[in-house]
Amino acid sequence: MAPEFSLPHVSTLKLDWHDEGVLVMTFNRPERMNSMVPESYAEWKQVMELVHRTPAIRVLVITGSGRAYSAGQDLSTVRPYASEQEEHADIFRRNEVTRKLTELLITCPVPIIAAVNGPAIGYGCTTLALCDLVLATESAVFRTPFAELAFCAEGCSSLTFPRILGPAVANDMILFGRTVGAKEMHARGFVARLVQQEELLRVAVGLAVELAGRSQAAIGVSRSLVRSEELVGELVRVNNREMDELYKRMISEDAKQAIAQMFARLQAKAAKAKI
């Protein structure tokens, strides 16, 4: 049945409503490994705003279509600007959308279950630590290539990664961009359960339906105890610091050079594959 509320019109996501009170949001750019363009962030923000204002939504499930969960920001969409002022203004606007999206994830009034069906990279990886439950297939991998792009930690990963993974692994991912497999992320407590690929979405939705059928008052109290007011405030402050620094990084010359070098490597790899 269609929900009694209106779902936003989206092009980079897919939304499915389950009458039990479960909304499933799917990253839906499989041809680009669900990498995120500016519209992706804006549409995800719309979804989170809907969740915040709609009591009928009791659980949010997030997953990806095709072989990836999300490859993070799609840097191939970086466009030329008429002036440096225009460039800075556009990056600032996009940065503010991401800042607000992250804050909406931090303060989400309902549980979020992430079903990681493949690679989770960049923002697609860092925001997993803001979810209530992370399920993943054994073939899923997790990576934050910040230094490679001359960017910095975002999605509150400068706080959540050291606390969940320990400082050593957090540094290995944030500073060195190491790709970590699902088994290790499960062993370290980042991933709660490993699930077979073909069962992943069924299990995630089943858990969501089960949770939606329980006392919402009790779940709300437990979440407020686990995610205390102090922790939420700390996450919001960390998000603001990260986004302030990320803006500076994104307009920096070394970030522009790093992105150009990445494109050159990709083009060389593509040209070699055609030979």
C-alpha atoms as a PDB file:
ATOM      1  CA  MET A   1       0.000   0.000   0.000  1.00  0.00           C
ATOM      2  CA  ALA A   2       1.064   3.576  -0.591  1.00  0.00           C
ATOM      3  CA  PRO A   3       1.987   5.493   2.560  1.00  0.00           C
ATOM      4  CA  GLU A   4      -0.379   8.110   3.959  1.00  0.00           C
ATOM      5  CA  PHE A   5       2.413  10.670   3.614  1.00  0.00           C
ATOM      6  CA  SER A   6       4.159  11.814   0.429  1.00  0.00           C
ATOM      7  CA  LEU A   7       7.530  10.367  -0.468  1.00  0.00           C
ATOM      8  CA  PRO A   8       9.911  12.913  -2.011  1.00  0.00           C
ATOM      9  CA  HIS A   9      10.641  12.672  -5.717  1.00  0.00           C
ATOM     10  CA  VAL A  10      14.182  11.333  -6.081  1.00  0.00           C
ATOM     11  CA  SER A  11      16.382  10.383  -9.019  1.00  0.00           C
ATOM     12  CA  THR A  12      19.595   9.103  -7.389  1.00  0.00           C
ATOM     13  CA  LEU A  13      17.810   7.075  -4.710  1.00  0.00           C
ATOM     14  CA  LYS A  14      14.991   4.550  -4.605  1.00  0.00           C
ATOM     15  CA  LEU A  15      12.421   4.578  -1.806  1.00  0.00           C
ATOM     16  CA  ASP A  16      10.255   1.627  -0.770  1.00  0.00           C
ATOM     17  CA  TRP A  17       7.600   1.809   1.933  1.00  0.00           C
ATOM     18  CA  HIS A  18       6.548  -1.133   4.110  1.00  0.00           C
ATOM     19  CA  ASP A  19       3.218  -0.699   5.885  1.00  0.00           C
ATOM     20  CA  GLU A  20       4.697  -1.957   9.159  1.00  0.00           C
ATOM     21  CA  GLY A  21       6.499   1.392   9.450  1.00  0.00           C
ATOM     22  CA  VAL A  22       9.733   0.690   7.577  1.00  0.00           C
ATOM     23  CA  LEU A  23      11.199   2.949   4.909  1.00  0.00           C
ATOM     24  CA  VAL A  24      13.931   1.451   2.712  1.00  0.00           C
ATOM     25  CA  MET A  25      16.271   3.936   1.030  1.00  0.00           C
ATOM     26  CA  THR A  26      18.491   2.522  -1.704  1.00  0.00           C
ATOM     27  CA  PHE A  27      21.426   4.320  -3.317  1.00  0.00           C
ATOM     28  CA  ASN A  28      20.441   3.912  -6.944  1.00  0.00           C
ATOM     29  CA  ARG A  29      23.293   4.739  -9.313  1.00  0.00           C
ATOM     30  CA  PRO A  30      24.560   1.181  -9.852  1.00  0.00           C
ATOM     31  CA  GLU A  31      26.349   2.090 -13.091  1.00  0.00           C
ATOM     32  CA  ARG A  32      28.568   4.412 -11.002  1.00  0.00           C
ATOM     33  CA  MET A  33      28.820   2.111  -7.971  1.00  0.00           C
ATOM     34  CA  ASN A  34      26.280   4.376  -6.235  1.00  0.00           C
ATOM     35  CA  SER A  35      28.817   7.185  -6.030  1.00  0.00           C
ATOM     36  CA  MET A  36      27.225  10.409  -4.854  1.00  0.00           C
ATOM     37  CA  VAL A  37      26.636  13.514  -6.922  1.00  0.00           C
ATOM     38  CA  PRO A  38      25.327  16.772  -5.381  1.00  0.00           C
ATOM     39  CA  GLU A  39      21.747  15.606  -6.011  1.00  0.00           C
ATOM     40  CA  SER A  40      22.442  12.475  -3.956  1.00  0.00           C
ATOM     41  CA  TYR A  41      23.304  14.460  -0.849  1.00  0.00           C
ATOM     42  CA  ALA A  42      20.335  16.793  -1.338  1.00  0.00           C
ATOM     43  CA  GLU A  43      17.909  13.907  -1.850  1.00  0.00           C
ATOM     44  CA  TRP A  44      19.275  11.960   1.133  1.00  0.00           C
ATOM     45  CA  LYS A  45      18.806  15.122   3.189  1.00  0.00           C
ATOM     46  CA  GLN A  46      15.181  15.273   1.986  1.00  0.00           C
ATOM     47  CA  VAL A  47      14.666  11.680   3.111  1.00  0.00           C
ATOM     48  CA  MET A  48      16.121  12.401   6.541  1.00  0.00           C
ATOM     49  CA  GLU A  49      13.892  15.467   6.910  1.00  0.00           C
ATOM     50  CA  LEU A  50      10.913  13.256   6.060  1.00  0.00           C
ATOM     51  CA  VAL A  51      11.954  10.720   8.706  1.00  0.00           C
ATOM     52  CA  HIS A  52      12.307  13.468  11.311  1.00  0.00           C
ATOM     53  CA  ARG A  53       8.791  14.825  10.747  1.00  0.00           C
ATOM     54  CA  THR A  54       6.860  11.592  10.041  1.00  0.00           C
ATOM     55  CA  PRO A  55       5.823   9.489  13.074  1.00  0.00           C
ATOM     56  CA  ALA A  56       4.612   6.680  10.790  1.00  0.00           C
ATOM     57  CA  ILE A  57       8.240   5.933   9.873  1.00  0.00           C
ATOM     58  CA  ARG A  58       9.553   3.786  12.705  1.00  0.00           C
ATOM     59  CA  VAL A  59      12.735   2.375  11.152  1.00  0.00           C
ATOM     60  CA  LEU A  60      14.927   3.462   8.234  1.00  0.00           C
ATOM     61  CA  VAL A  61      16.879   0.868   6.226  1.00  0.00           C
ATOM     62  CA  ILE A  62      19.697   2.075   3.956  1.00  0.00           C
ATOM     63  CA  THR A  63      21.304  -0.102   1.274  1.00  0.00           C
ATOM     64  CA  GLY A  64      22.770   0.064  -2.231  1.00  0.00           C
ATOM     65  CA  SER A  65      21.703  -1.262  -5.624  1.00  0.00           C
ATOM     66  CA  GLY A  66      23.952  -3.450  -7.729  1.00  0.00           C
ATOM     67  CA  ARG A  67      27.386  -4.493  -6.526  1.00  0.00           C
ATOM     68  CA  ALA A  68      28.208  -1.515  -4.270  1.00  0.00           C
ATOM     69  CA  TYR A  69      26.781   0.150  -1.197  1.00  0.00           C
ATOM     70  CA  SER A  70      28.217   3.583  -2.061  1.00  0.00           C
ATOM     71  CA  ALA A  71      31.531   4.636  -3.575  1.00  0.00           C
ATOM     72  CA  GLY A  72      31.384   8.027  -1.863  1.00  0.00           C
ATOM     73  CA  GLN A  73      31.539  11.314  -3.747  1.00  0.00           C
ATOM     74  CA  ASP A  74      31.568  11.093  -7.537  1.00  0.00           C
ATOM     75  CA  LEU A  75      34.505  13.360  -8.316  1.00  0.00           C
ATOM     76  CA  SER A  76      34.051  12.884 -12.045  1.00  0.00           C
ATOM     77  CA  THR A  77      31.182  15.382 -11.859  1.00  0.00           C
ATOM     78  CA  VAL A  78      33.497  18.219 -10.806  1.00  0.00           C
ATOM     79  CA  ARG A  79      32.733  21.003 -13.284  1.00  0.00           C
ATOM     80  CA  PRO A  80      34.739  24.016 -14.475  1.00  0.00           C
ATOM     81  CA  TYR A  81      33.859  27.355 -12.904  1.00  0.00           C
ATOM     82  CA  ALA A  82      33.804  30.822 -14.433  1.00  0.00           C
ATOM     83  CA  SER A  83      35.666  32.254 -11.457  1.00  0.00           C
ATOM     84  CA  GLU A  84      37.222  31.285  -8.156  1.00  0.00           C
ATOM     85  CA  GLN A  85      34.393  33.108  -6.377  1.00  0.00           C
ATOM     86  CA  GLU A  86      31.799  30.955  -8.152  1.00  0.00           C
ATOM     87  CA  GLU A  87      33.776  27.820  -7.322  1.00  0.00           C
ATOM     88  CA  HIS A  88      34.034  28.666  -3.625  1.00  0.00           C
ATOM     89  CA  ALA A  89      30.344  29.571  -3.409  1.00  0.00           C
ATOM     90  CA  ASP A  90      29.279  26.281  -5.028  1.00  0.00           C
ATOM     91  CA  ILE A  91      31.559  24.202  -2.806  1.00  0.00           C
ATOM     92  CA  PHE A  92      30.273  26.076   0.251  1.00  0.00           C
ATOM     93  CA  ARG A  93      26.635  25.334  -0.706  1.00  0.00           C
ATOM     94  CA  ARG A  94      27.362  21.652  -1.212  1.00  0.00           C
ATOM     95  CA  ASN A  95      29.334  21.542   2.035  1.00  0.00           C
ATOM     96  CA  GLU A  96      26.369  22.994   3.936  1.00  0.00           C
ATOM     97  CA  VAL A  97      24.016  20.343   2.531  1.00  0.00           C
ATOM     98  CA  THR A  98      26.378  17.627   3.738  1.00  0.00           C
ATOM     99  CA  ARG A  99      26.760  19.322   7.128  1.00  0.00           C
ATOM    100  CA  LYS A 100      22.974  19.349   7.611  1.00  0.00           C
ATOM    101  CA  LEU A 101      22.578  15.784   6.307  1.00  0.00           C
ATOM    102  CA  THR A 102      25.128  14.526   8.815  1.00  0.00           C
ATOM    103  CA  GLU A 103      23.389  16.399  11.625  1.00  0.00           C
ATOM    104  CA  LEU A 104      20.062  14.828  10.629  1.00  0.00           C
ATOM    105  CA  LEU A 105      21.701  11.395  10.785  1.00  0.00           C
ATOM    106  CA  ILE A 106      23.152  12.177  14.226  1.00  0.00           C
ATOM    107  CA  THR A 107      19.777  13.319  15.576  1.00  0.00           C
ATOM    108  CA  CYS A 108      17.598  10.793  13.732  1.00  0.00           C
ATOM    109  CA  PRO A 109      14.525  10.010  15.892  1.00  0.00           C
ATOM    110  CA  VAL A 110      14.259   6.389  14.716  1.00  0.00           C
ATOM    111  CA  PRO A 111      16.701   3.476  14.378  1.00  0.00           C
ATOM    112  CA  ILE A 112      18.727   3.269  11.179  1.00  0.00           C
ATOM    113  CA  ILE A 113      19.764  -0.147   9.850  1.00  0.00           C
ATOM    114  CA  ALA A 114      22.464  -0.159   7.162  1.00  0.00           C
ATOM    115  CA  ALA A 115      22.666  -3.175   4.846  1.00  0.00           C
ATOM    116  CA  VAL A 116      26.116  -2.965   3.254  1.00  0.00           C
ATOM    117  CA  ASN A 117      25.944  -5.030   0.081  1.00  0.00           C
ATOM    118  CA  GLY A 118      29.362  -4.079  -1.337  1.00  0.00           C
ATOM    119  CA  PRO A 119      32.111  -1.460  -1.181  1.00  0.00           C
ATOM    120  CA  ALA A 120      31.411   1.412   1.229  1.00  0.00           C
ATOM    121  CA  ILE A 121      33.788   4.268   0.484  1.00  0.00           C
ATOM    122  CA  GLY A 122      34.186   7.827   1.753  1.00  0.00           C
ATOM    123  CA  TYR A 123      30.967   9.348   3.073  1.00  0.00           C
ATOM    124  CA  GLY A 124      29.242   6.037   2.361  1.00  0.00           C
ATOM    125  CA  CYS A 125      31.625   4.470   4.873  1.00  0.00           C
ATOM    126  CA  THR A 126      31.928   7.144   7.558  1.00  0.00           C
ATOM    127  CA  THR A 127      28.171   7.609   8.045  1.00  0.00           C
ATOM    128  CA  LEU A 128      27.759   3.906   8.816  1.00  0.00           C
ATOM    129  CA  ALA A 129      29.123   4.647  12.293  1.00  0.00           C
ATOM    130  CA  LEU A 130      26.092   6.905  12.858  1.00  0.00           C
ATOM    131  CA  CYS A 131      23.652   4.049  12.193  1.00  0.00           C
ATOM    132  CA  ASP A 132      22.127   1.908  14.956  1.00  0.00           C
ATOM    133  CA  LEU A 133      22.910  -1.416  13.274  1.00  0.00           C
ATOM    134  CA  VAL A 134      25.255  -2.292  10.409  1.00  0.00           C
ATOM    135  CA  LEU A 135      24.822  -5.541   8.496  1.00  0.00           C
ATOM    136  CA  ALA A 136      27.271  -6.482   5.759  1.00  0.00           C
ATOM    137  CA  THR A 137      28.113  -9.234   3.327  1.00  0.00           C
ATOM    138  CA  GLU A 138      31.503 -10.914   3.771  1.00  0.00           C
ATOM    139  CA  SER A 139      32.634  -9.448   0.439  1.00  0.00           C
ATOM    140  CA  ALA A 140      31.963  -5.841   1.504  1.00  0.00           C
ATOM    141  CA  VAL A 141      34.970  -3.553   1.952  1.00  0.00           C
ATOM    142  CA  PHE A 142      35.339  -0.238   3.753  1.00  0.00           C
ATOM    143  CA  ARG A 143      37.650   2.619   2.768  1.00  0.00           C
ATOM    144  CA  THR A 144      38.147   6.332   3.473  1.00  0.00           C
ATOM    145  CA  PRO A 145      40.608   7.740   0.883  1.00  0.00           C
ATOM    146  CA  PHE A 146      40.854  11.190   2.464  1.00  0.00           C
ATOM    147  CA  ALA A 147      44.607  11.731   2.269  1.00  0.00           C
ATOM    148  CA  GLU A 148      44.720  10.460  -1.323  1.00  0.00           C
ATOM    149  CA  LEU A 149      42.368  13.298  -2.293  1.00  0.00           C
ATOM    150  CA  ALA A 150      43.904  15.867   0.092  1.00  0.00           C
ATOM    151  CA  PHE A 151      40.605  15.898   1.989  1.00  0.00           C
ATOM    152  CA  CYS A 152      40.056  15.323   5.719  1.00  0.00           C
ATOM    153  CA  ALA A 153      37.876  13.181   7.963  1.00  0.00           C
ATOM    154  CA  GLU A 154      34.109  13.746   7.705  1.00  0.00           C
ATOM    155  CA  GLY A 155      30.866  12.075   8.755  1.00  0.00           C
ATOM    156  CA  CYS A 156      32.099  12.332  12.384  1.00  0.00           C
ATOM    157  CA  SER A 157      34.711   9.670  11.617  1.00  0.00           C
ATOM    158  CA  SER A 158      37.399  11.613  13.511  1.00  0.00           C
ATOM    159  CA  LEU A 159      35.402  10.730  16.652  1.00  0.00           C
ATOM    160  CA  THR A 160      33.535   7.522  15.841  1.00  0.00           C
ATOM    161  CA  PHE A 161      36.319   5.571  14.130  1.00  0.00           C
ATOM    162  CA  PRO A 162      38.857   5.774  16.999  1.00  0.00           C
ATOM    163  CA  ARG A 163      36.136   4.896  19.523  1.00  0.00           C
ATOM    164  CA  ILE A 164      34.803   1.912  17.575  1.00  0.00           C
ATOM    165  CA  LEU A 165      37.897   0.615  15.788  1.00  0.00           C
ATOM    166  CA  GLY A 166      40.640   1.841  18.122  1.00  0.00           C
ATOM    167  CA  PRO A 167      43.160   4.590  17.278  1.00  0.00           C
ATOM    168  CA  ALA A 168      45.531   2.356  15.313  1.00  0.00           C
ATOM    169  CA  VAL A 169      42.980   1.055  12.794  1.00  0.00           C
ATOM    170  CA  ALA A 170      41.239   4.447  12.659  1.00  0.00           C
ATOM    171  CA  ASN A 171      44.549   6.093  11.717  1.00  0.00           C
ATOM    172  CA  ASP A 172      45.266   3.347   9.191  1.00  0.00           C
ATOM    173  CA  MET A 173      41.960   4.092   7.468  1.00  0.00           C
ATOM    174  CA  ILE A 174      41.736   7.885   7.843  1.00  0.00           C
ATOM    175  CA  LEU A 175      45.401   8.745   7.261  1.00  0.00           C
ATOM    176  CA  PHE A 176      46.584   5.895   5.054  1.00  0.00           C
ATOM    177  CA  GLY A 177      43.350   4.938   3.299  1.00  0.00           C
ATOM    178  CA  ARG A 178      43.650   1.234   4.056  1.00  0.00           C
ATOM    179  CA  THR A 179      40.828  -0.902   2.692  1.00  0.00           C
ATOM    180  CA  VAL A 180      39.372  -3.035   5.486  1.00  0.00           C
ATOM    181  CA  GLY A 181      37.291  -6.136   4.862  1.00  0.00           C
ATOM    182  CA  ALA A 182      33.924  -6.928   6.424  1.00  0.00           C
ATOM    183  CA  LYS A 183      35.287  -9.746   8.587  1.00  0.00           C
ATOM    184  CA  GLU A 184      37.763  -7.413  10.287  1.00  0.00           C
ATOM    185  CA  MET A 185      35.141  -4.673  10.675  1.00  0.00           C
ATOM    186  CA  HIS A 186      32.853  -7.264  12.257  1.00  0.00           C
ATOM    187  CA  ALA A 187      35.575  -8.474  14.607  1.00  0.00           C
ATOM    188  CA  ARG A 188      36.228  -4.870  15.692  1.00  0.00           C
ATOM    189  CA  GLY A 189      32.557  -4.100  16.342  1.00  0.00           C
ATOM    190  CA  PHE A 190      31.884  -1.749  13.429  1.00  0.00           C
ATOM    191  CA  VAL A 191      29.690  -4.334  11.681  1.00  0.00           C
ATOM    192  CA  ALA A 192      27.154  -6.077  13.923  1.00  0.00           C
ATOM    193  CA  ARG A 193      26.303  -9.070  11.714  1.00  0.00           C
ATOM    194  CA  LEU A 194      27.658 -10.718   8.571  1.00  0.00           C
ATOM    195  CA  VAL A 195      24.899 -11.907   6.235  1.00  0.00           C
ATOM    196  CA  GLN A 196      24.892 -13.829   2.963  1.00  0.00           C
ATOM    197  CA  GLN A 197      24.576 -11.554  -0.080  1.00  0.00           C
ATOM    198  CA  GLU A 198      21.285 -13.029  -1.257  1.00  0.00           C
ATOM    199  CA  GLU A 199      19.775 -12.754   2.226  1.00  0.00           C
ATOM    200  CA  LEU A 200      21.011  -9.277   3.159  1.00  0.00           C
ATOM    201  CA  LEU A 201      18.020  -7.089   2.317  1.00  0.00           C
ATOM    202  CA  ARG A 202      15.509  -9.680   3.505  1.00  0.00           C
ATOM    203  CA  VAL A 203      17.276  -9.924   6.858  1.00  0.00           C
ATOM    204  CA  ALA A 204      17.591  -6.131   7.174  1.00  0.00           C
ATOM    205  CA  VAL A 205      13.912  -5.505   6.400  1.00  0.00           C
ATOM    206  CA  GLY A 206      12.887  -8.401   8.655  1.00  0.00           C
ATOM    207  CA  LEU A 207      14.802  -6.900  11.572  1.00  0.00           C
ATOM    208  CA  ALA A 208      13.321  -3.486  10.816  1.00  0.00           C
ATOM    209  CA  VAL A 209       9.755  -4.840  10.740  1.00  0.00           C
ATOM    210  CA  GLU A 210      10.375  -6.684  14.002  1.00  0.00           C
ATOM    211  CA  LEU A 211      11.697  -3.511  15.628  1.00  0.00           C
ATOM    212  CA  ALA A 212       8.845  -1.406  14.233  1.00  0.00           C
ATOM    213  CA  GLY A 213       6.370  -3.755  15.915  1.00  0.00           C
ATOM    214  CA  ARG A 214       7.830  -3.279  19.383  1.00  0.00           C
ATOM    215  CA  SER A 215       7.201  -0.526  21.924  1.00  0.00           C
ATOM    216  CA  GLN A 216       8.347   2.680  20.279  1.00  0.00           C
ATOM    217  CA  ALA A 217       8.430   4.433  23.652  1.00  0.00           C
ATOM    218  CA  ALA A 218      10.802   1.814  25.064  1.00  0.00           C
ATOM    219  CA  ILE A 219      13.020   1.907  21.971  1.00  0.00           C
ATOM    220  CA  GLY A 220      13.128   5.692  22.142  1.00  0.00           C
ATOM    221  CA  VAL A 221      14.231   5.605  25.780  1.00  0.00           C
ATOM    222  CA  SER A 222      16.925   3.007  25.101  1.00  0.00           C
ATOM    223  CA  ARG A 223      18.264   4.988  22.153  1.00  0.00           C
ATOM    224  CA  SER A 224      18.387   8.155  24.247  1.00  0.00           C
ATOM    225  CA  LEU A 225      20.398   6.273  26.877  1.00  0.00           C
ATOM    226  CA  VAL A 226      22.808   4.740  24.363  1.00  0.00           C
ATOM    227  CA  ARG A 227      23.035   7.941  22.321  1.00  0.00           C
ATOM    228  CA  SER A 228      22.935  10.394  25.203  1.00  0.00           C
ATOM    229  CA  GLU A 229      22.350  14.113  24.899  1.00  0.00           C
ATOM    230  CA  GLU A 230      26.042  14.627  25.670  1.00  0.00           C
ATOM    231  CA  LEU A 231      27.123  12.274  22.884  1.00  0.00           C
ATOM    232  CA  VAL A 232      24.737  13.837  20.370  1.00  0.00           C
ATOM    233  CA  GLY A 233      26.057  17.284  21.247  1.00  0.00           C
ATOM    234  CA  GLU A 234      29.632  16.076  20.854  1.00  0.00           C
ATOM    235  CA  LEU A 235      28.876  14.521  17.463  1.00  0.00           C
ATOM    236  CA  VAL A 236      27.226  17.730  16.253  1.00  0.00           C
ATOM    237  CA  ARG A 237      30.267  19.761  17.337  1.00  0.00           C
ATOM    238  CA  VAL A 238      32.648  17.296  15.663  1.00  0.00           C
ATOM    239  CA  ASN A 239      30.596  17.400  12.472  1.00  0.00           C
ATOM    240  CA  ASN A 240      30.799  21.193  12.406  1.00  0.00           C
ATOM    241  CA  ARG A 241      34.572  21.150  12.908  1.00  0.00           C
ATOM    242  CA  GLU A 242      35.050  18.523  10.231  1.00  0.00           C
ATOM    243  CA  MET A 243      32.891  20.365   7.699  1.00  0.00           C
ATOM    244  CA  ASP A 244      34.669  23.660   8.375  1.00  0.00           C
ATOM    245  CA  GLU A 245      38.012  21.981   7.705  1.00  0.00           C
ATOM    246  CA  LEU A 246      36.691  20.010   4.728  1.00  0.00           C
ATOM    247  CA  TYR A 247      35.581  23.217   3.026  1.00  0.00           C
ATOM    248  CA  LYS A 248      39.107  24.596   3.390  1.00  0.00           C
ATOM    249  CA  ARG A 249      40.527  21.379   2.003  1.00  0.00           C
ATOM    250  CA  MET A 250      38.148  21.272  -0.970  1.00  0.00           C
ATOM    251  CA  ILE A 251      39.115  24.751  -2.153  1.00  0.00           C
ATOM    252  CA  SER A 252      42.838  24.151  -1.600  1.00  0.00           C
ATOM    253  CA  GLU A 253      45.341  23.833  -4.432  1.00  0.00           C
ATOM    254  CA  ASP A 254      46.690  20.505  -3.199  1.00  0.00           C
ATOM    255  CA  ALA A 255      43.166  18.993  -3.279  1.00  0.00           C
ATOM    256  CA  LYS A 256      42.698  20.213  -6.867  1.00  0.00           C
ATOM    257  CA  GLN A 257      46.058  18.688  -7.811  1.00  0.00           C
ATOM    258  CA  ALA A 258      45.220  15.411  -6.064  1.00  0.00           C
ATOM    259  CA  ILE A 259      41.907  15.129  -7.930  1.00  0.00           C
ATOM    260  CA  ALA A 260      43.610  15.931 -11.251  1.00  0.00           C
ATOM    261  CA  GLN A 261      46.222  13.230 -10.576  1.00  0.00           C
ATOM    262  CA  MET A 262      43.487  10.754  -9.743  1.00  0.00           C
ATOM    263  CA  PHE A 263      41.722  11.504 -13.031  1.00  0.00           C
ATOM    264  CA  ALA A 264      44.991  11.050 -14.914  1.00  0.00           C
ATOM    265  CA  ARG A 265      45.507   7.633 -13.311  1.00  0.00           C
ATOM    266  CA  LEU A 266      41.947   6.586 -14.152  1.00  0.00           C
ATOM    267  CA  GLN A 267      42.311   7.727 -17.752  1.00  0.00           C
ATOM    268  CA  ALA A 268      45.621   5.881 -18.114  1.00  0.00           C
ATOM    269  CA  LYS A 269      44.047   2.752 -16.662  1.00  0.00           C
ATOM    270  CA  ALA A 270      41.080   3.013 -19.036  1.00  0.00           C
ATOM    271  CA  ALA A 271      43.369   3.555 -22.029  1.00  0.00           C
ATOM    272  CA  LYS A 272      45.477   0.542 -21.072  1.00  0.00           C
ATOM    273  CA  ALA A 273      42.345  -1.608 -20.758  1.00  0.00           C
ATOM    274  CA  LYS A 274      41.401  -0.780 -24.374  1.00  0.00           C
ATOM    275  CA  ILE A 275      44.732  -2.036 -25.737  1.00  0.00           C
END
